[in-house]
């Protein structure tokens, strides 16, 4: 090529291809941009941003392949996939199952300091009324909508759908933290705590 026009690299017929495959919204495109040192593929926080298979040549003998995220609904249930950020929250038609999944593992109503709506409290009272009413996904979303001032425009009722999406976004942002420990974590943690306590006790006796 002429000076000032850049140069053209010819790609060898024998090269190594590295493909980045994984769930949506885990940073595959970001890794490629980091390797290249500049933006060569578009990125976004929204799951499913990469729509097509993309090939980026790094050297004449190496190329990277970026592909859309893969979702395996038969391996992980949909509520967990929603909470893991594999779906676009704005496109979820039924968010209450995911809110229920979250509330069964995290005390959402306590973390958000919610107050049970009066009609929900009366209808969900247990026993002779001495036991506290049970929180459902709908009750959590309704209480959160009232607390945040989310109301429908026409009927002025608590906008539970908007509240549910808001709660899911907070979970994705880390404001509501849900985590899973690996198998055997608590047993190993208990053994570790016991060993620390035994070592401290032995050190005290030696003194």
N, C-alpha and C. Protein backbone atom coordinates (compact mmCIF):
# COMPACT_ATOMS: atom_id res chain seq x y z
N UNK A 1 0.84 -1.20 0.00
CA UNK A 1 0.00 0.00 0.00
C UNK A 1 0.87 1.24 0.00
N UNK A 2 0.31 2.37 -0.46
CA UNK A 2 1.04 3.63 -0.51
C UNK A 2 1.19 4.19 0.88
N UNK A 3 2.24 5.00 1.12
CA UNK A 3 2.45 5.60 2.44
C UNK A 3 1.24 6.45 2.84
N UNK A 4 0.88 6.39 4.10
CA UNK A 4 -0.24 7.17 4.61
C UNK A 4 -1.57 6.48 4.47
N UNK A 5 -1.63 5.33 3.78
CA UNK A 5 -2.89 4.62 3.59
C UNK A 5 -3.03 3.43 4.54
N UNK A 6 -2.09 3.29 5.51
CA UNK A 6 -2.12 2.14 6.39
C UNK A 6 -1.54 0.94 5.70
N UNK A 7 -1.66 -0.22 6.34
CA UNK A 7 -1.14 -1.42 5.70
C UNK A 7 -2.16 -2.54 5.85
N UNK A 8 -2.07 -3.49 4.97
CA UNK A 8 -3.01 -4.60 4.94
C UNK A 8 -2.29 -5.86 5.42
N UNK A 9 -2.89 -6.56 6.39
CA UNK A 9 -2.32 -7.81 6.88
C UNK A 9 -3.02 -8.97 6.19
N UNK A 10 -2.27 -9.82 5.57
CA UNK A 10 -2.85 -11.00 4.95
C UNK A 10 -2.98 -12.10 6.01
N UNK A 11 -4.15 -12.73 6.04
CA UNK A 11 -4.43 -13.76 7.03
C UNK A 11 -4.00 -15.11 6.52
N UNK A 12 -3.21 -15.80 7.31
CA UNK A 12 -2.71 -17.11 6.92
C UNK A 12 -3.85 -18.13 6.87
N UNK A 13 -3.69 -19.13 6.02
CA UNK A 13 -4.69 -20.19 5.94
C UNK A 13 -4.67 -21.08 7.16
N UNK A 14 -3.62 -21.02 7.91
CA UNK A 14 -3.51 -21.82 9.13
C UNK A 14 -3.43 -20.86 10.32
N UNK A 15 -4.52 -20.73 11.05
CA UNK A 15 -4.56 -19.82 12.18
C UNK A 15 -5.37 -20.44 13.30
N UNK A 16 -5.22 -19.87 14.46
CA UNK A 16 -5.94 -20.35 15.65
C UNK A 16 -7.19 -19.49 15.84
N UNK A 17 -8.32 -20.13 16.09
CA UNK A 17 -9.58 -19.42 16.32
C UNK A 17 -10.00 -19.63 17.77
N UNK A 18 -10.18 -18.55 18.50
CA UNK A 18 -10.64 -18.60 19.89
C UNK A 18 -12.05 -18.04 19.95
N UNK A 19 -12.99 -18.87 20.38
CA UNK A 19 -14.38 -18.43 20.48
C UNK A 19 -14.78 -18.16 21.92
N UNK A 20 -15.54 -17.09 22.13
CA UNK A 20 -16.05 -16.75 23.46
C UNK A 20 -17.52 -17.11 23.50
N UNK A 21 -17.84 -18.12 24.32
CA UNK A 21 -19.19 -18.64 24.42
C UNK A 21 -19.63 -18.58 25.87
N UNK A 22 -20.87 -18.19 26.12
CA UNK A 22 -21.37 -18.15 27.50
C UNK A 22 -22.74 -17.53 27.59
N UNK A 23 -23.20 -17.34 28.82
CA UNK A 23 -24.50 -16.73 29.07
C UNK A 23 -24.52 -15.28 28.59
N UNK A 24 -25.68 -14.71 28.36
CA UNK A 24 -25.75 -13.28 28.03
C UNK A 24 -25.27 -12.42 29.20
N UNK A 25 -24.72 -11.28 28.86
CA UNK A 25 -24.39 -10.24 29.84
C UNK A 25 -23.34 -10.68 30.85
N UNK A 26 -22.35 -11.46 30.40
CA UNK A 26 -21.26 -11.87 31.30
C UNK A 26 -19.92 -11.23 30.92
N UNK A 27 -19.89 -10.44 29.82
CA UNK A 27 -18.68 -9.71 29.48
C UNK A 27 -17.84 -10.30 28.37
N UNK A 28 -18.43 -11.08 27.49
CA UNK A 28 -17.66 -11.68 26.39
C UNK A 28 -17.10 -10.60 25.46
N UNK A 29 -17.96 -9.67 25.06
CA UNK A 29 -17.51 -8.60 24.16
C UNK A 29 -16.51 -7.68 24.85
N UNK A 30 -16.70 -7.45 26.14
CA UNK A 30 -15.77 -6.60 26.89
C UNK A 30 -14.38 -7.22 26.94
N UNK A 31 -14.31 -8.53 27.09
CA UNK A 31 -13.02 -9.23 27.09
C UNK A 31 -12.31 -9.04 25.75
N UNK A 32 -13.05 -9.14 24.67
CA UNK A 32 -12.44 -8.96 23.34
C UNK A 32 -11.90 -7.54 23.20
N UNK A 33 -12.67 -6.54 23.61
CA UNK A 33 -12.19 -5.15 23.55
C UNK A 33 -10.93 -4.96 24.39
N UNK A 34 -10.89 -5.63 25.54
CA UNK A 34 -9.71 -5.51 26.41
C UNK A 34 -8.49 -6.14 25.77
N UNK A 35 -8.67 -7.27 25.08
CA UNK A 35 -7.55 -7.94 24.42
C UNK A 35 -7.01 -7.08 23.28
N UNK A 36 -7.92 -6.51 22.49
CA UNK A 36 -7.51 -5.70 21.34
C UNK A 36 -6.93 -4.36 21.80
N UNK A 37 -7.43 -3.85 22.93
CA UNK A 37 -6.96 -2.56 23.41
C UNK A 37 -7.77 -1.38 22.93
N UNK A 38 -8.85 -1.64 22.24
CA UNK A 38 -9.76 -0.59 21.77
C UNK A 38 -11.13 -1.21 21.51
N UNK A 39 -12.11 -0.38 21.25
CA UNK A 39 -13.46 -0.89 21.03
C UNK A 39 -13.60 -1.40 19.60
N UNK A 40 -13.75 -2.70 19.48
CA UNK A 40 -13.95 -3.31 18.16
C UNK A 40 -15.33 -3.97 18.06
N UNK A 41 -15.95 -4.26 19.22
CA UNK A 41 -17.32 -4.80 19.23
C UNK A 41 -18.13 -3.99 20.23
N UNK A 42 -19.39 -3.78 19.91
CA UNK A 42 -20.26 -2.97 20.75
C UNK A 42 -20.63 -3.73 22.02
N UNK A 43 -20.74 -3.00 23.13
CA UNK A 43 -21.10 -3.60 24.42
C UNK A 43 -22.26 -2.83 25.04
N UNK A 44 -22.96 -3.50 25.94
CA UNK A 44 -24.08 -2.87 26.65
C UNK A 44 -24.37 -3.68 27.89
N UNK A 45 -24.98 -3.02 28.90
CA UNK A 45 -25.40 -3.73 30.11
C UNK A 45 -26.67 -4.53 29.87
N UNK A 46 -27.34 -4.29 28.75
CA UNK A 46 -28.59 -4.99 28.45
C UNK A 46 -28.29 -6.38 27.89
N UNK A 47 -28.85 -7.44 28.49
CA UNK A 47 -28.61 -8.79 27.96
C UNK A 47 -29.10 -8.92 26.52
N UNK A 48 -28.38 -9.69 25.73
CA UNK A 48 -28.78 -9.92 24.34
C UNK A 48 -28.36 -8.82 23.39
N UNK A 49 -27.39 -7.97 23.79
CA UNK A 49 -26.98 -6.87 22.93
C UNK A 49 -26.27 -7.38 21.68
N UNK A 50 -25.44 -8.39 21.83
CA UNK A 50 -24.77 -8.99 20.67
C UNK A 50 -25.76 -9.87 19.92
N UNK A 51 -26.02 -9.52 18.66
CA UNK A 51 -27.05 -10.22 17.88
C UNK A 51 -26.47 -11.22 16.88
N UNK A 52 -25.22 -10.99 16.44
CA UNK A 52 -24.68 -11.79 15.36
C UNK A 52 -23.29 -12.32 15.73
N UNK A 53 -22.90 -13.35 15.03
CA UNK A 53 -21.56 -13.92 15.17
C UNK A 53 -20.55 -12.93 14.58
N UNK A 54 -19.50 -12.60 15.34
CA UNK A 54 -18.52 -11.61 14.88
C UNK A 54 -17.11 -12.20 14.96
N UNK A 55 -16.31 -11.91 13.95
CA UNK A 55 -14.93 -12.40 13.90
C UNK A 55 -13.97 -11.22 13.89
N UNK A 56 -12.99 -11.25 14.79
CA UNK A 56 -12.00 -10.18 14.88
C UNK A 56 -10.62 -10.79 14.71
N UNK A 57 -9.87 -10.33 13.71
CA UNK A 57 -8.53 -10.82 13.46
C UNK A 57 -7.53 -10.06 14.32
N UNK A 58 -6.82 -10.75 15.16
CA UNK A 58 -5.83 -10.13 16.05
C UNK A 58 -4.48 -10.08 15.37
N UNK A 59 -4.04 -11.18 14.82
CA UNK A 59 -2.79 -11.28 14.07
C UNK A 59 -3.07 -12.13 12.83
N UNK A 60 -2.13 -12.26 11.93
CA UNK A 60 -2.35 -13.11 10.76
C UNK A 60 -2.60 -14.58 11.11
N UNK A 61 -2.29 -14.98 12.35
CA UNK A 61 -2.48 -16.39 12.71
C UNK A 61 -3.45 -16.57 13.88
N UNK A 62 -4.12 -15.49 14.31
CA UNK A 62 -5.03 -15.59 15.45
C UNK A 62 -6.26 -14.73 15.22
N UNK A 63 -7.42 -15.31 15.47
CA UNK A 63 -8.66 -14.53 15.39
C UNK A 63 -9.56 -14.89 16.56
N UNK A 64 -10.38 -13.93 16.97
CA UNK A 64 -11.34 -14.10 18.06
C UNK A 64 -12.74 -14.10 17.49
N UNK A 65 -13.60 -14.92 18.09
CA UNK A 65 -14.99 -15.00 17.65
C UNK A 65 -15.92 -14.65 18.81
N UNK A 66 -16.77 -13.67 18.58
CA UNK A 66 -17.76 -13.25 19.58
C UNK A 66 -19.12 -13.71 19.10
N UNK A 67 -19.90 -14.30 20.00
CA UNK A 67 -21.20 -14.81 19.60
C UNK A 67 -22.26 -14.34 20.59
N UNK A 68 -23.53 -14.33 20.19
CA UNK A 68 -24.60 -13.96 21.13
C UNK A 68 -24.63 -14.91 22.32
N UNK A 69 -25.13 -14.41 23.44
CA UNK A 69 -25.21 -15.23 24.64
C UNK A 69 -26.17 -16.40 24.47
N UNK A 70 -25.86 -17.50 25.15
CA UNK A 70 -26.66 -18.71 25.07
C UNK A 70 -27.42 -18.91 26.38
N UNK A 71 -28.69 -19.25 26.27
CA UNK A 71 -29.54 -19.49 27.44
C UNK A 71 -30.00 -20.93 27.40
N UNK A 72 -29.89 -21.62 28.53
CA UNK A 72 -30.28 -23.03 28.61
C UNK A 72 -31.41 -23.18 29.64
N UNK A 73 -32.66 -22.99 29.21
CA UNK A 73 -33.77 -23.04 30.18
C UNK A 73 -33.99 -24.40 30.80
N UNK A 74 -33.49 -25.47 30.19
CA UNK A 74 -33.69 -26.80 30.75
C UNK A 74 -32.69 -27.10 31.86
N UNK A 75 -31.64 -26.28 31.98
CA UNK A 75 -30.61 -26.50 32.99
C UNK A 75 -30.87 -25.67 34.23
N UNK A 76 -31.22 -24.40 34.06
CA UNK A 76 -31.49 -23.48 35.17
C UNK A 76 -32.90 -22.92 34.99
N UNK A 77 -33.69 -22.88 36.07
CA UNK A 77 -35.06 -22.40 35.94
C UNK A 77 -35.09 -20.92 35.59
N UNK A 78 -36.19 -20.49 34.98
CA UNK A 78 -36.28 -19.13 34.45
C UNK A 78 -36.16 -18.05 35.52
N UNK A 79 -36.82 -18.18 36.70
CA UNK A 79 -36.66 -17.11 37.71
C UNK A 79 -35.21 -16.85 38.08
N UNK A 80 -34.41 -17.90 38.21
CA UNK A 80 -33.00 -17.71 38.54
C UNK A 80 -32.26 -17.07 37.38
N UNK A 81 -32.62 -17.42 36.16
CA UNK A 81 -31.98 -16.79 35.00
C UNK A 81 -32.31 -15.30 34.95
N UNK A 82 -33.54 -14.94 35.32
CA UNK A 82 -33.91 -13.52 35.37
C UNK A 82 -33.09 -12.80 36.42
N UNK A 83 -32.96 -13.40 37.60
CA UNK A 83 -32.21 -12.78 38.69
C UNK A 83 -30.71 -12.75 38.40
N UNK A 84 -30.24 -13.60 37.50
CA UNK A 84 -28.83 -13.62 37.13
C UNK A 84 -28.52 -12.64 36.01
N UNK A 85 -29.55 -11.96 35.50
CA UNK A 85 -29.32 -10.96 34.47
C UNK A 85 -29.25 -11.51 33.06
N UNK A 86 -29.83 -12.68 32.82
CA UNK A 86 -29.78 -13.28 31.49
C UNK A 86 -30.90 -12.78 30.58
N UNK A 87 -31.87 -12.08 31.15
CA UNK A 87 -32.97 -11.54 30.37
C UNK A 87 -33.05 -10.03 30.58
N UNK A 88 -33.59 -9.35 29.57
CA UNK A 88 -33.83 -7.92 29.69
C UNK A 88 -35.03 -7.69 30.60
N UNK A 89 -34.81 -7.02 31.73
CA UNK A 89 -35.87 -6.84 32.72
C UNK A 89 -37.08 -6.13 32.11
N UNK A 90 -36.85 -5.17 31.25
CA UNK A 90 -37.95 -4.39 30.68
C UNK A 90 -38.86 -5.23 29.80
N UNK A 91 -38.40 -6.39 29.34
CA UNK A 91 -39.19 -7.23 28.44
C UNK A 91 -39.87 -8.40 29.16
N UNK A 92 -39.74 -8.46 30.47
CA UNK A 92 -40.34 -9.56 31.23
C UNK A 92 -41.83 -9.27 31.44
N UNK A 93 -42.67 -10.18 31.01
CA UNK A 93 -44.11 -9.98 31.12
C UNK A 93 -44.65 -10.39 32.48
N UNK A 94 -44.03 -11.39 33.09
CA UNK A 94 -44.52 -11.88 34.39
C UNK A 94 -43.34 -11.91 35.36
N UNK A 95 -43.12 -10.81 36.11
CA UNK A 95 -41.97 -10.73 36.99
C UNK A 95 -42.20 -11.30 38.39
N UNK A 96 -43.44 -11.64 38.73
CA UNK A 96 -43.77 -11.98 40.12
C UNK A 96 -43.16 -13.32 40.56
N UNK A 97 -43.01 -14.26 39.62
CA UNK A 97 -42.38 -15.53 39.96
C UNK A 97 -40.93 -15.31 40.37
N UNK A 98 -40.25 -14.41 39.69
CA UNK A 98 -38.85 -14.11 40.04
C UNK A 98 -38.77 -13.39 41.37
N UNK A 99 -39.73 -12.49 41.64
CA UNK A 99 -39.76 -11.81 42.94
C UNK A 99 -40.01 -12.82 44.05
N UNK A 100 -40.90 -13.79 43.81
CA UNK A 100 -41.18 -14.82 44.80
C UNK A 100 -39.94 -15.68 45.06
N UNK A 101 -39.24 -16.04 43.99
CA UNK A 101 -38.00 -16.82 44.12
C UNK A 101 -36.99 -16.06 44.97
N UNK A 102 -36.88 -14.76 44.75
CA UNK A 102 -35.96 -13.93 45.51
C UNK A 102 -36.39 -13.83 46.97
N UNK A 103 -37.70 -13.63 47.19
CA UNK A 103 -38.21 -13.44 48.56
C UNK A 103 -38.12 -14.71 49.38
N UNK A 104 -38.12 -15.88 48.74
CA UNK A 104 -37.99 -17.14 49.46
C UNK A 104 -36.56 -17.36 49.97
N UNK A 105 -35.61 -16.61 49.45
CA UNK A 105 -34.21 -16.78 49.82
C UNK A 105 -33.59 -15.56 50.48
N UNK A 106 -34.24 -14.42 50.34
CA UNK A 106 -33.75 -13.17 50.92
C UNK A 106 -34.94 -12.46 51.58
N UNK A 107 -34.80 -11.95 52.80
CA UNK A 107 -35.91 -11.24 53.46
C UNK A 107 -36.13 -9.87 52.82
N UNK A 108 -36.72 -9.86 51.65
CA UNK A 108 -36.88 -8.63 50.88
C UNK A 108 -37.69 -7.60 51.65
N UNK A 109 -38.79 -8.05 52.28
CA UNK A 109 -39.66 -7.10 52.99
C UNK A 109 -38.93 -6.42 54.14
N UNK A 110 -37.99 -7.13 54.78
CA UNK A 110 -37.22 -6.53 55.87
C UNK A 110 -36.14 -5.59 55.33
N UNK A 111 -35.49 -5.99 54.26
CA UNK A 111 -34.44 -5.16 53.68
C UNK A 111 -34.99 -3.85 53.15
N UNK A 112 -36.21 -3.88 52.64
CA UNK A 112 -36.83 -2.68 52.10
C UNK A 112 -37.70 -1.96 53.11
N UNK A 113 -37.77 -2.52 54.34
CA UNK A 113 -38.57 -1.92 55.43
C UNK A 113 -40.01 -1.68 54.98
N UNK A 114 -40.62 -2.73 54.44
CA UNK A 114 -41.98 -2.61 53.92
C UNK A 114 -43.02 -2.87 55.01
N UNK A 115 -44.16 -2.26 54.84
CA UNK A 115 -45.29 -2.47 55.75
C UNK A 115 -46.40 -3.18 54.98
N UNK A 116 -46.88 -4.28 55.55
CA UNK A 116 -47.92 -5.06 54.90
C UNK A 116 -49.17 -4.20 54.67
N UNK A 117 -49.67 -4.13 53.43
CA UNK A 117 -50.91 -3.40 53.18
C UNK A 117 -52.04 -3.94 54.06
N UNK A 118 -52.93 -3.06 54.50
CA UNK A 118 -53.97 -3.43 55.46
C UNK A 118 -54.84 -4.57 54.96
N UNK A 119 -55.28 -4.51 53.71
CA UNK A 119 -56.18 -5.56 53.20
C UNK A 119 -55.42 -6.87 53.04
N UNK A 120 -54.12 -6.80 52.70
CA UNK A 120 -53.32 -8.01 52.62
C UNK A 120 -53.10 -8.60 54.00
N UNK A 121 -52.90 -7.75 54.99
CA UNK A 121 -52.68 -8.21 56.36
C UNK A 121 -53.90 -8.95 56.89
N UNK A 122 -55.09 -8.43 56.60
CA UNK A 122 -56.32 -9.06 57.08
C UNK A 122 -56.59 -10.40 56.39
N UNK A 123 -56.29 -10.47 55.09
CA UNK A 123 -56.61 -11.68 54.33
C UNK A 123 -55.58 -12.79 54.53
N UNK A 124 -54.35 -12.43 54.96
CA UNK A 124 -53.29 -13.43 55.10
C UNK A 124 -52.94 -13.71 56.55
N UNK A 125 -53.75 -13.24 57.50
CA UNK A 125 -53.48 -13.52 58.91
C UNK A 125 -53.58 -15.01 59.17
N UNK A 126 -52.72 -15.54 60.05
CA UNK A 126 -52.68 -16.97 60.32
C UNK A 126 -53.09 -17.27 61.75
N UNK A 127 -53.69 -18.45 61.89
CA UNK A 127 -54.08 -18.89 63.22
C UNK A 127 -55.12 -17.96 63.83
N UNK A 128 -54.93 -17.61 65.07
CA UNK A 128 -55.87 -16.73 65.76
C UNK A 128 -55.46 -15.26 65.64
N UNK A 129 -54.57 -14.95 64.70
CA UNK A 129 -54.15 -13.58 64.50
C UNK A 129 -52.87 -13.22 65.22
N UNK A 130 -52.36 -14.13 66.05
CA UNK A 130 -51.13 -13.82 66.78
C UNK A 130 -49.90 -14.01 65.91
N UNK A 131 -49.99 -14.88 64.89
CA UNK A 131 -48.87 -15.07 63.98
C UNK A 131 -48.88 -13.98 62.91
N UNK A 132 -47.71 -13.49 62.53
CA UNK A 132 -47.67 -12.43 61.51
C UNK A 132 -48.14 -12.96 60.16
N UNK A 133 -48.75 -12.13 59.34
CA UNK A 133 -49.22 -12.57 58.03
C UNK A 133 -48.04 -12.92 57.12
N UNK A 134 -48.29 -13.80 56.18
CA UNK A 134 -47.24 -14.23 55.27
C UNK A 134 -47.14 -13.25 54.10
N UNK A 135 -45.89 -12.97 53.74
CA UNK A 135 -45.65 -12.10 52.60
C UNK A 135 -45.66 -12.92 51.32
N UNK A 136 -46.41 -12.49 50.35
CA UNK A 136 -46.39 -13.08 49.02
C UNK A 136 -45.66 -12.13 48.08
N UNK A 137 -45.37 -12.60 46.87
CA UNK A 137 -44.71 -11.72 45.90
C UNK A 137 -45.59 -10.52 45.58
N UNK A 138 -46.89 -10.75 45.48
CA UNK A 138 -47.82 -9.65 45.17
C UNK A 138 -47.85 -8.64 46.32
N UNK A 139 -47.88 -9.14 47.55
CA UNK A 139 -47.92 -8.24 48.71
C UNK A 139 -46.64 -7.41 48.80
N UNK A 140 -45.50 -8.03 48.51
CA UNK A 140 -44.23 -7.30 48.52
C UNK A 140 -44.24 -6.20 47.46
N UNK A 141 -44.67 -6.54 46.26
CA UNK A 141 -44.69 -5.55 45.18
C UNK A 141 -45.69 -4.43 45.48
N UNK A 142 -46.84 -4.80 46.05
CA UNK A 142 -47.84 -3.77 46.37
C UNK A 142 -47.33 -2.84 47.47
N UNK A 143 -46.72 -3.41 48.50
CA UNK A 143 -46.19 -2.59 49.58
C UNK A 143 -45.06 -1.69 49.07
N UNK A 144 -44.23 -2.22 48.18
CA UNK A 144 -43.13 -1.43 47.63
C UNK A 144 -43.66 -0.30 46.75
N UNK A 145 -44.72 -0.60 45.98
CA UNK A 145 -45.33 0.43 45.13
C UNK A 145 -45.89 1.57 45.97
N UNK A 146 -46.55 1.23 47.08
CA UNK A 146 -47.09 2.26 47.97
C UNK A 146 -45.96 3.07 48.59
N UNK A 147 -44.91 2.38 49.00
CA UNK A 147 -43.79 3.06 49.65
C UNK A 147 -43.07 4.01 48.70
N UNK A 148 -42.96 3.63 47.42
CA UNK A 148 -42.24 4.45 46.44
C UNK A 148 -43.14 5.41 45.68
N UNK A 149 -44.46 5.30 45.89
CA UNK A 149 -45.39 6.18 45.20
C UNK A 149 -45.66 5.79 43.77
N UNK A 150 -45.60 4.47 43.49
CA UNK A 150 -45.89 3.97 42.14
C UNK A 150 -47.39 3.67 42.05
N UNK A 151 -48.12 4.46 41.27
CA UNK A 151 -49.55 4.25 41.10
C UNK A 151 -49.90 4.30 39.62
N UNK A 152 -50.94 3.54 39.25
CA UNK A 152 -51.39 3.56 37.86
C UNK A 152 -52.05 4.90 37.56
N UNK A 153 -51.96 5.30 36.30
CA UNK A 153 -52.43 6.64 35.93
C UNK A 153 -53.94 6.77 35.93
N UNK A 154 -54.65 5.71 35.57
CA UNK A 154 -56.10 5.81 35.45
C UNK A 154 -56.82 5.52 36.77
N UNK A 155 -56.55 4.35 37.33
CA UNK A 155 -57.30 3.94 38.53
C UNK A 155 -56.60 4.36 39.83
N UNK A 156 -55.38 4.88 39.73
CA UNK A 156 -54.62 5.31 40.91
C UNK A 156 -54.44 4.17 41.92
N UNK A 157 -54.22 2.96 41.39
CA UNK A 157 -53.95 1.81 42.24
C UNK A 157 -52.45 1.55 42.27
N UNK A 158 -51.96 0.88 43.31
CA UNK A 158 -50.53 0.59 43.36
C UNK A 158 -50.07 -0.16 42.11
N UNK A 159 -49.05 0.36 41.46
CA UNK A 159 -48.53 -0.23 40.22
C UNK A 159 -47.57 -1.37 40.60
N UNK A 160 -48.13 -2.54 40.81
CA UNK A 160 -47.33 -3.67 41.27
C UNK A 160 -46.36 -4.16 40.20
N UNK A 161 -46.73 -4.03 38.93
CA UNK A 161 -45.84 -4.47 37.85
C UNK A 161 -44.58 -3.62 37.82
N UNK A 162 -44.75 -2.32 37.91
CA UNK A 162 -43.60 -1.42 37.93
C UNK A 162 -42.74 -1.68 39.17
N UNK A 163 -43.39 -1.93 40.29
CA UNK A 163 -42.66 -2.21 41.54
C UNK A 163 -41.86 -3.50 41.41
N UNK A 164 -42.44 -4.52 40.78
CA UNK A 164 -41.75 -5.80 40.61
C UNK A 164 -40.50 -5.62 39.75
N UNK A 165 -40.61 -4.89 38.65
CA UNK A 165 -39.45 -4.66 37.79
C UNK A 165 -38.37 -3.86 38.54
N UNK A 166 -38.82 -2.92 39.37
CA UNK A 166 -37.88 -2.11 40.15
C UNK A 166 -37.10 -2.98 41.13
N UNK A 167 -37.79 -3.90 41.78
CA UNK A 167 -37.13 -4.80 42.73
C UNK A 167 -36.12 -5.69 42.01
N UNK A 168 -36.48 -6.19 40.83
CA UNK A 168 -35.55 -7.03 40.07
C UNK A 168 -34.33 -6.24 39.63
N UNK A 169 -34.52 -4.98 39.25
CA UNK A 169 -33.37 -4.15 38.86
C UNK A 169 -32.46 -3.90 40.06
N UNK A 170 -33.05 -3.69 41.22
CA UNK A 170 -32.23 -3.49 42.43
C UNK A 170 -31.41 -4.74 42.73
N UNK A 171 -32.00 -5.91 42.50
CA UNK A 171 -31.26 -7.15 42.73
C UNK A 171 -30.10 -7.26 41.76
N UNK A 172 -30.30 -6.90 40.51
CA UNK A 172 -29.24 -6.96 39.51
C UNK A 172 -28.14 -5.95 39.81
N UNK A 173 -28.52 -4.81 40.38
CA UNK A 173 -27.53 -3.76 40.71
C UNK A 173 -26.79 -4.06 42.01
N UNK A 174 -27.23 -5.09 42.74
CA UNK A 174 -26.57 -5.44 43.99
C UNK A 174 -27.13 -4.73 45.21
N UNK A 175 -28.18 -3.94 45.05
CA UNK A 175 -28.78 -3.27 46.19
C UNK A 175 -29.57 -4.26 47.05
N UNK A 176 -30.07 -5.31 46.41
CA UNK A 176 -30.64 -6.46 47.12
C UNK A 176 -29.72 -7.64 46.77
N UNK A 177 -29.01 -8.13 47.76
CA UNK A 177 -27.96 -9.11 47.49
C UNK A 177 -28.47 -10.53 47.71
N UNK A 178 -28.37 -11.35 46.68
CA UNK A 178 -28.67 -12.78 46.79
C UNK A 178 -27.45 -13.54 46.30
N UNK A 179 -27.00 -14.50 47.08
CA UNK A 179 -25.83 -15.29 46.70
C UNK A 179 -26.05 -16.74 47.08
N UNK A 180 -25.29 -17.60 46.44
CA UNK A 180 -25.36 -19.03 46.72
C UNK A 180 -23.96 -19.51 47.09
N UNK A 181 -23.88 -20.27 48.17
CA UNK A 181 -22.61 -20.82 48.60
C UNK A 181 -22.39 -22.20 47.95
N UNK A 182 -21.14 -22.57 47.69
CA UNK A 182 -20.86 -23.88 47.10
C UNK A 182 -21.20 -25.00 48.06
N UNK A 183 -21.44 -26.21 47.55
CA UNK A 183 -21.76 -27.35 48.42
C UNK A 183 -20.67 -27.57 49.47
N UNK A 184 -21.09 -27.81 50.72
CA UNK A 184 -20.15 -28.06 51.80
C UNK A 184 -19.55 -26.81 52.42
N UNK A 185 -20.00 -25.63 51.96
CA UNK A 185 -19.40 -24.39 52.45
C UNK A 185 -19.61 -24.22 53.95
N UNK A 186 -20.82 -24.46 54.42
CA UNK A 186 -21.12 -24.21 55.82
C UNK A 186 -20.43 -25.21 56.74
N UNK A 187 -20.28 -26.45 56.28
CA UNK A 187 -19.54 -27.44 57.08
C UNK A 187 -18.07 -27.03 57.20
N UNK A 188 -17.47 -26.65 56.08
CA UNK A 188 -16.08 -26.23 56.12
C UNK A 188 -15.91 -24.95 56.93
N UNK A 189 -16.89 -24.05 56.81
CA UNK A 189 -16.81 -22.79 57.57
C UNK A 189 -16.89 -23.08 59.06
N UNK A 190 -17.77 -24.00 59.47
CA UNK A 190 -17.89 -24.35 60.89
C UNK A 190 -16.59 -24.98 61.40
N UNK A 191 -15.99 -25.86 60.59
CA UNK A 191 -14.72 -26.46 60.99
C UNK A 191 -13.61 -25.41 61.12
N UNK A 192 -13.63 -24.44 60.20
CA UNK A 192 -12.63 -23.37 60.24
C UNK A 192 -12.79 -22.53 61.51
N UNK A 193 -14.05 -22.19 61.85
CA UNK A 193 -14.30 -21.40 63.05
C UNK A 193 -13.88 -22.18 64.29
N UNK A 194 -14.18 -23.48 64.32
CA UNK A 194 -13.78 -24.31 65.47
C UNK A 194 -12.26 -24.37 65.61
N UNK A 195 -11.56 -24.48 64.49
CA UNK A 195 -10.10 -24.55 64.55
C UNK A 195 -9.51 -23.24 65.04
N UNK A 196 -10.09 -22.12 64.63
CA UNK A 196 -9.62 -20.81 65.10
C UNK A 196 -9.85 -20.67 66.60
N UNK A 197 -11.04 -21.11 67.04
CA UNK A 197 -11.35 -21.02 68.47
C UNK A 197 -10.42 -21.92 69.29
N UNK A 198 -10.14 -23.13 68.80
CA UNK A 198 -9.24 -24.03 69.51
C UNK A 198 -7.83 -23.45 69.57
N UNK A 199 -7.36 -22.85 68.48
CA UNK A 199 -6.03 -22.27 68.48
C UNK A 199 -5.94 -21.09 69.44
N UNK A 200 -7.00 -20.28 69.50
CA UNK A 200 -7.01 -19.15 70.43
C UNK A 200 -7.03 -19.62 71.87
N UNK A 201 -7.79 -20.70 72.15
CA UNK A 201 -7.86 -21.23 73.49
C UNK A 201 -6.51 -21.81 73.94
N UNK A 202 -5.83 -22.51 73.02
CA UNK A 202 -4.52 -23.07 73.33
C UNK A 202 -3.50 -21.98 73.58
N UNK A 203 -3.57 -20.92 72.79
CA UNK A 203 -2.64 -19.80 72.97
C UNK A 203 -2.87 -19.13 74.34
N UNK A 204 -4.14 -19.02 74.73
CA UNK A 204 -4.45 -18.41 76.03
C UNK A 204 -3.90 -19.25 77.18
N UNK A 205 -4.03 -20.59 77.07
CA UNK A 205 -3.54 -21.47 78.14
C UNK A 205 -2.02 -21.42 78.24
N UNK A 206 -1.35 -21.30 77.09
CA UNK A 206 0.12 -21.23 77.08
C UNK A 206 0.63 -19.96 77.78
N UNK A 207 -0.15 -18.92 77.70
CA UNK A 207 0.25 -17.67 78.35
C UNK A 207 0.09 -17.78 79.86
